[in-house]
């Protein structure tokens, strides 16, 4: 459908990787108990150490692999999947 009907489209995949357990998929954003701070957490081993995970998300038109501030992280968390 996209090829025949839309002049421009972007497809985003979530290719996150946890170096602690080897999980390859979407690493989730969760609210830290007590502080309310948003943190990235591996759904497999519950690792929250950002130095031991690789996360890639599209922000401002580009794929970024750096961690974002709390406002941008909240926006990423609230995104919905459109099919």
Protein backbone atom coordinates (compact mmCIF):
# COMPACT_ATOMS: atom_id res chain seq x y z
CA UNK A 1 0.00 0.00 0.00
CA UNK A 2 2.70 2.50 0.97
CA UNK A 3 4.69 1.86 -2.21
CA UNK A 4 1.72 2.61 -4.50
CA UNK A 5 -0.10 5.34 -2.55
CA UNK A 6 2.24 7.39 -0.38
CA UNK A 7 5.14 9.50 -1.61
CA UNK A 8 7.01 9.43 1.70
CA UNK A 9 6.84 7.13 4.70
CA UNK A 10 9.09 6.17 7.58
CA UNK A 11 9.11 2.79 9.23
CA UNK A 12 10.56 2.61 12.71
CA UNK A 13 11.70 -0.58 14.36
CA UNK A 14 12.63 -0.97 17.98
CA UNK A 15 15.96 -2.73 17.95
CA UNK A 16 16.97 -2.35 21.58
CA UNK A 17 19.53 -4.63 23.18
CA UNK A 18 20.28 -5.47 26.82
CA UNK A 19 23.93 -6.33 27.34
CA UNK A 20 23.14 -7.84 30.73
CA UNK A 21 20.95 -10.74 29.50
CA UNK A 22 21.14 -10.53 25.69
CA UNK A 23 17.48 -9.48 25.25
CA UNK A 24 16.80 -8.13 21.75
CA UNK A 25 13.47 -6.31 21.42
CA UNK A 26 11.73 -3.30 22.91
CA UNK A 27 13.15 -2.10 26.22
CA UNK A 28 10.33 -0.46 28.17
CA UNK A 29 10.07 2.83 30.02
CA UNK A 30 8.82 2.42 33.59
CA UNK A 31 8.19 4.81 36.46
CA UNK A 32 10.71 4.47 39.26
CA UNK A 33 9.01 3.73 42.55
CA UNK A 34 9.28 6.56 45.06
CA UNK A 35 10.80 9.22 42.79
CA UNK A 36 8.37 8.97 39.87
CA UNK A 37 11.33 9.32 37.50
CA UNK A 38 11.01 7.53 34.14
CA UNK A 39 13.71 4.91 33.57
CA UNK A 40 14.45 2.34 30.87
CA UNK A 41 14.05 -1.27 32.03
CA UNK A 42 14.74 -4.56 30.28
CA UNK A 43 11.50 -6.62 30.35
CA UNK A 44 13.54 -9.82 30.57
CA UNK A 45 16.05 -9.27 33.40
CA UNK A 46 14.81 -5.88 34.76
CA UNK A 47 18.23 -4.29 34.17
CA UNK A 48 18.06 -0.48 34.55
CA UNK A 49 21.77 0.27 34.04
CA UNK A 50 21.84 2.49 30.94
CA UNK A 51 25.51 1.73 30.38
CA UNK A 52 24.53 -1.92 29.82
CA UNK A 53 21.79 -1.39 27.22
CA UNK A 54 21.51 0.06 23.74
CA UNK A 55 18.27 1.86 22.90
CA UNK A 56 17.42 3.48 19.56
CA UNK A 57 14.39 5.73 18.96
CA UNK A 58 13.41 8.22 16.30
CA UNK A 59 13.44 11.74 17.72
CA UNK A 60 13.15 14.94 15.68
CA UNK A 61 13.39 12.96 12.44
CA UNK A 62 16.59 11.11 13.29
CA UNK A 63 17.36 7.77 14.92
CA UNK A 64 19.07 8.51 18.21
CA UNK A 65 20.85 6.17 20.56
CA UNK A 66 21.59 8.60 23.38
CA UNK A 67 19.34 8.84 26.40
CA UNK A 68 16.85 11.67 26.53
CA UNK A 69 15.66 14.08 29.21
CA UNK A 70 12.54 13.27 31.25
CA UNK A 71 10.23 15.32 28.99
CA UNK A 72 11.33 13.55 25.81
CA UNK A 73 11.32 10.18 27.59
CA UNK A 74 7.70 10.81 28.66
CA UNK A 75 6.79 11.66 25.05
CA UNK A 76 8.44 8.45 23.81
CA UNK A 77 6.59 6.44 26.49
CA UNK A 78 3.22 7.90 25.38
CA UNK A 79 3.68 7.05 21.70
CA UNK A 80 1.17 4.68 20.14
CA UNK A 81 1.70 2.19 17.33
CA UNK A 82 -0.17 2.99 14.11
CA UNK A 83 -0.65 0.16 11.65
